[in-house]
Amino acid sequence: MKVKIFANGNPVDSKVINAETGELVEGVISAHVDVDVEGAVATLIMHDFEAEITCEANHETTQGVHGDASSRSLRENSDPNS
């Protein structure tokens, strides 16, 4: 989905629109945009949404693994809240 993010500095007026349909994207509570010389990334923080997620994983156990794999700071724990 392509989105348009409208922000004028007032959170009440800010909104996220589906660029293809023109419809308001419901449930967005925060939008973060990071821009650098190589491009831009937008992150939408949402609540009360439905998602269909497909994950192709290898046979390694990934439940309870927390941290940043690229920095090798992973730790395994059966409690994802710790």
N, C-alpha and C. Protein backbone atom coordinates (compact mmCIF):
# COMPACT_ATOMS: atom_id res chain seq x y z
N MET A 1 0.85 -1.17 0.00
CA MET A 1 0.00 0.00 0.00
C MET A 1 0.90 1.23 0.00
N LYS A 2 0.58 2.18 -0.83
CA LYS A 2 1.24 3.47 -0.81
C LYS A 2 0.40 4.41 0.04
N VAL A 3 1.06 5.22 0.87
CA VAL A 3 0.34 6.14 1.74
C VAL A 3 0.84 7.56 1.53
N LYS A 4 -0.02 8.49 1.87
CA LYS A 4 0.34 9.91 1.94
C LYS A 4 0.19 10.32 3.39
N ILE A 5 1.23 10.97 3.92
CA ILE A 5 1.20 11.43 5.30
C ILE A 5 1.08 12.95 5.27
N PHE A 6 0.01 13.46 5.86
CA PHE A 6 -0.22 14.89 5.94
C PHE A 6 0.03 15.35 7.38
N ALA A 7 0.94 16.29 7.54
CA ALA A 7 1.24 16.83 8.88
C ALA A 7 1.57 18.31 8.73
N ASN A 8 0.95 19.13 9.57
CA ASN A 8 1.21 20.57 9.54
C ASN A 8 1.74 21.07 10.88
N GLY A 9 2.17 20.14 11.73
CA GLY A 9 2.66 20.51 13.04
C GLY A 9 1.62 20.37 14.14
N ASN A 10 0.36 20.23 13.76
CA ASN A 10 -0.72 20.05 14.73
C ASN A 10 -1.19 18.60 14.66
N PRO A 11 -0.97 17.80 15.72
CA PRO A 11 -1.36 16.39 15.69
C PRO A 11 -2.84 16.17 15.36
N VAL A 12 -3.70 17.10 15.73
CA VAL A 12 -5.13 16.95 15.46
C VAL A 12 -5.41 16.97 13.95
N ASP A 13 -4.64 17.75 13.21
CA ASP A 13 -4.85 17.87 11.77
C ASP A 13 -4.11 16.81 10.96
N SER A 14 -3.14 16.11 11.57
CA SER A 14 -2.33 15.13 10.85
C SER A 14 -3.17 13.92 10.48
N LYS A 15 -2.88 13.33 9.31
CA LYS A 15 -3.61 12.14 8.88
C LYS A 15 -2.78 11.34 7.89
N VAL A 16 -3.13 10.07 7.78
CA VAL A 16 -2.49 9.17 6.82
C VAL A 16 -3.58 8.69 5.87
N ILE A 17 -3.33 8.86 4.57
CA ILE A 17 -4.30 8.54 3.53
C ILE A 17 -3.74 7.42 2.65
N ASN A 18 -4.59 6.47 2.27
CA ASN A 18 -4.22 5.46 1.28
C ASN A 18 -4.10 6.19 -0.06
N ALA A 19 -2.91 6.24 -0.62
CA ALA A 19 -2.67 7.01 -1.84
C ALA A 19 -3.42 6.45 -3.04
N GLU A 20 -3.73 5.17 -3.02
CA GLU A 20 -4.41 4.54 -4.16
C GLU A 20 -5.92 4.76 -4.13
N THR A 21 -6.50 4.83 -2.92
CA THR A 21 -7.96 4.95 -2.81
C THR A 21 -8.43 6.31 -2.30
N GLY A 22 -7.54 7.05 -1.66
CA GLY A 22 -7.92 8.33 -1.06
C GLY A 22 -8.60 8.19 0.29
N GLU A 23 -8.73 6.96 0.79
CA GLU A 23 -9.38 6.72 2.08
C GLU A 23 -8.42 6.95 3.24
N LEU A 24 -8.97 7.41 4.36
CA LEU A 24 -8.21 7.59 5.58
C LEU A 24 -7.76 6.23 6.09
N VAL A 25 -6.50 6.11 6.48
CA VAL A 25 -6.00 4.88 7.10
C VAL A 25 -6.34 4.98 8.58
N GLU A 26 -7.25 4.13 9.05
CA GLU A 26 -7.74 4.15 10.43
C GLU A 26 -6.73 3.51 11.38
N GLY A 27 -6.71 3.98 12.62
CA GLY A 27 -5.93 3.34 13.68
C GLY A 27 -4.50 3.83 13.80
N VAL A 28 -4.07 4.81 12.99
CA VAL A 28 -2.71 5.31 13.09
C VAL A 28 -2.63 6.25 14.29
N ILE A 29 -1.74 5.93 15.22
CA ILE A 29 -1.57 6.80 16.39
C ILE A 29 -0.26 7.58 16.32
N SER A 30 0.64 7.18 15.41
CA SER A 30 1.91 7.88 15.27
C SER A 30 2.52 7.54 13.93
N ALA A 31 3.18 8.51 13.32
CA ALA A 31 3.91 8.28 12.07
C ALA A 31 5.30 8.87 12.22
N HIS A 32 6.31 8.08 11.89
CA HIS A 32 7.70 8.51 11.96
C HIS A 32 8.28 8.43 10.56
N VAL A 33 8.95 9.47 10.12
CA VAL A 33 9.59 9.48 8.80
C VAL A 33 11.07 9.77 8.99
N ASP A 34 11.92 8.89 8.47
CA ASP A 34 13.36 9.06 8.52
C ASP A 34 13.85 9.23 7.08
N VAL A 35 14.58 10.32 6.85
CA VAL A 35 15.10 10.61 5.51
C VAL A 35 16.61 10.76 5.60
N ASP A 36 17.31 10.11 4.68
CA ASP A 36 18.75 10.31 4.58
C ASP A 36 19.13 10.37 3.10
N VAL A 37 20.42 10.39 2.79
CA VAL A 37 20.86 10.55 1.41
C VAL A 37 20.52 9.35 0.53
N GLU A 38 20.21 8.21 1.14
CA GLU A 38 19.90 7.01 0.37
C GLU A 38 18.41 6.78 0.21
N GLY A 39 17.56 7.55 0.86
CA GLY A 39 16.12 7.36 0.71
C GLY A 39 15.38 7.71 1.98
N ALA A 40 14.18 7.18 2.09
CA ALA A 40 13.32 7.48 3.23
C ALA A 40 12.59 6.22 3.69
N VAL A 41 12.29 6.19 4.98
CA VAL A 41 11.52 5.10 5.57
C VAL A 41 10.44 5.72 6.43
N ALA A 42 9.22 5.25 6.28
CA ALA A 42 8.11 5.70 7.12
C ALA A 42 7.65 4.54 7.98
N THR A 43 7.47 4.80 9.26
CA THR A 43 6.98 3.80 10.21
C THR A 43 5.66 4.30 10.78
N LEU A 44 4.62 3.48 10.67
CA LEU A 44 3.32 3.83 11.22
C LEU A 44 3.08 3.00 12.46
N ILE A 45 2.73 3.66 13.56
CA ILE A 45 2.36 2.97 14.79
C ILE A 45 0.83 2.95 14.80
N MET A 46 0.27 1.73 14.91
CA MET A 46 -1.18 1.57 14.78
C MET A 46 -1.75 0.78 15.96
N HIS A 47 -3.05 0.95 16.18
CA HIS A 47 -3.77 0.14 17.16
C HIS A 47 -5.07 -0.33 16.52
N ASP A 48 -5.64 -1.37 17.09
CA ASP A 48 -6.90 -1.93 16.59
C ASP A 48 -6.87 -2.19 15.08
N PHE A 49 -5.94 -3.04 14.65
CA PHE A 49 -5.84 -3.34 13.23
C PHE A 49 -5.86 -4.84 13.01
N GLU A 50 -6.18 -5.21 11.80
CA GLU A 50 -6.13 -6.62 11.40
C GLU A 50 -4.95 -6.80 10.46
N ALA A 51 -4.27 -7.91 10.58
CA ALA A 51 -3.13 -8.18 9.71
C ALA A 51 -3.06 -9.66 9.39
N GLU A 52 -2.66 -9.95 8.20
CA GLU A 52 -2.36 -11.32 7.80
C GLU A 52 -0.87 -11.38 7.57
N ILE A 53 -0.17 -12.18 8.36
CA ILE A 53 1.28 -12.22 8.31
C ILE A 53 1.72 -13.61 7.91
N THR A 54 2.55 -13.68 6.89
CA THR A 54 3.12 -14.94 6.44
C THR A 54 4.61 -14.88 6.70
N CYS A 55 5.12 -15.89 7.38
CA CYS A 55 6.54 -15.91 7.73
C CYS A 55 7.14 -17.24 7.27
N GLU A 56 8.16 -17.13 6.47
CA GLU A 56 8.90 -18.33 6.07
C GLU A 56 10.13 -18.39 6.95
N ALA A 57 10.18 -19.38 7.83
CA ALA A 57 11.29 -19.49 8.77
C ALA A 57 12.03 -20.80 8.55
N ASN A 58 13.30 -20.79 8.94
CA ASN A 58 14.05 -22.03 8.89
C ASN A 58 13.68 -22.87 10.10
N HIS A 59 14.37 -23.93 10.33
CA HIS A 59 14.00 -24.85 11.40
C HIS A 59 14.59 -24.46 12.75
N GLU A 60 15.25 -23.33 12.85
CA GLU A 60 15.79 -22.89 14.12
C GLU A 60 14.67 -22.34 15.00
N THR A 61 14.84 -22.45 16.30
CA THR A 61 13.87 -21.90 17.24
C THR A 61 14.05 -20.39 17.31
N THR A 62 12.98 -19.65 17.05
CA THR A 62 13.07 -18.20 17.11
C THR A 62 12.22 -17.61 18.22
N GLN A 63 11.36 -18.41 18.84
CA GLN A 63 10.52 -17.89 19.92
C GLN A 63 11.39 -17.52 21.10
N GLY A 64 11.17 -16.33 21.63
CA GLY A 64 11.93 -15.90 22.79
C GLY A 64 13.28 -15.33 22.47
N VAL A 65 13.59 -15.12 21.18
CA VAL A 65 14.87 -14.51 20.82
C VAL A 65 14.65 -13.02 20.70
N HIS A 66 15.43 -12.24 21.44
CA HIS A 66 15.25 -10.80 21.48
C HIS A 66 16.58 -10.13 21.19
N GLY A 67 16.54 -9.02 20.54
CA GLY A 67 17.76 -8.24 20.31
C GLY A 67 17.96 -7.96 18.84
N ASP A 68 19.13 -7.53 18.50
CA ASP A 68 19.48 -7.15 17.14
C ASP A 68 20.43 -8.19 16.57
N ALA A 69 19.93 -8.96 15.60
CA ALA A 69 20.73 -10.04 15.04
C ALA A 69 21.98 -9.51 14.36
N SER A 70 21.91 -8.32 13.76
CA SER A 70 23.07 -7.79 13.04
C SER A 70 24.20 -7.41 13.99
N SER A 71 23.88 -7.07 15.23
CA SER A 71 24.94 -6.71 16.17
C SER A 71 25.30 -7.88 17.08
N ARG A 72 24.73 -9.03 16.80
CA ARG A 72 24.98 -10.25 17.58
C ARG A 72 24.66 -10.08 19.06
N SER A 73 23.63 -9.28 19.35
CA SER A 73 23.24 -9.07 20.75
C SER A 73 21.96 -9.83 21.07
N LEU A 74 21.82 -11.01 20.49
CA LEU A 74 20.63 -11.82 20.72
C LEU A 74 20.73 -12.53 22.06
N ARG A 75 19.58 -12.70 22.69
CA ARG A 75 19.52 -13.52 23.88
C ARG A 75 18.23 -14.32 23.81
N GLU A 76 18.29 -15.54 24.28
CA GLU A 76 17.11 -16.38 24.24
C GLU A 76 16.47 -16.43 25.62
N ASN A 77 15.15 -16.31 25.60
CA ASN A 77 14.41 -16.32 26.85
C ASN A 77 12.98 -16.77 26.52
N SER A 78 12.42 -17.61 27.32
CA SER A 78 11.07 -18.08 27.05
C SER A 78 10.03 -17.02 27.37
N ASP A 79 10.39 -15.99 28.11
CA ASP A 79 9.46 -14.91 28.44
C ASP A 79 9.79 -13.69 27.57
N PRO A 80 8.95 -13.41 26.53
CA PRO A 80 9.26 -12.28 25.65
C PRO A 80 9.15 -10.91 26.32
N ASN A 81 8.62 -10.86 27.55
CA ASN A 81 8.51 -9.58 28.26
C ASN A 81 9.74 -9.24 29.09
N SER A 82 10.72 -10.13 29.13
CA SER A 82 11.89 -9.84 29.96
C SER A 82 13.06 -9.42 29.10
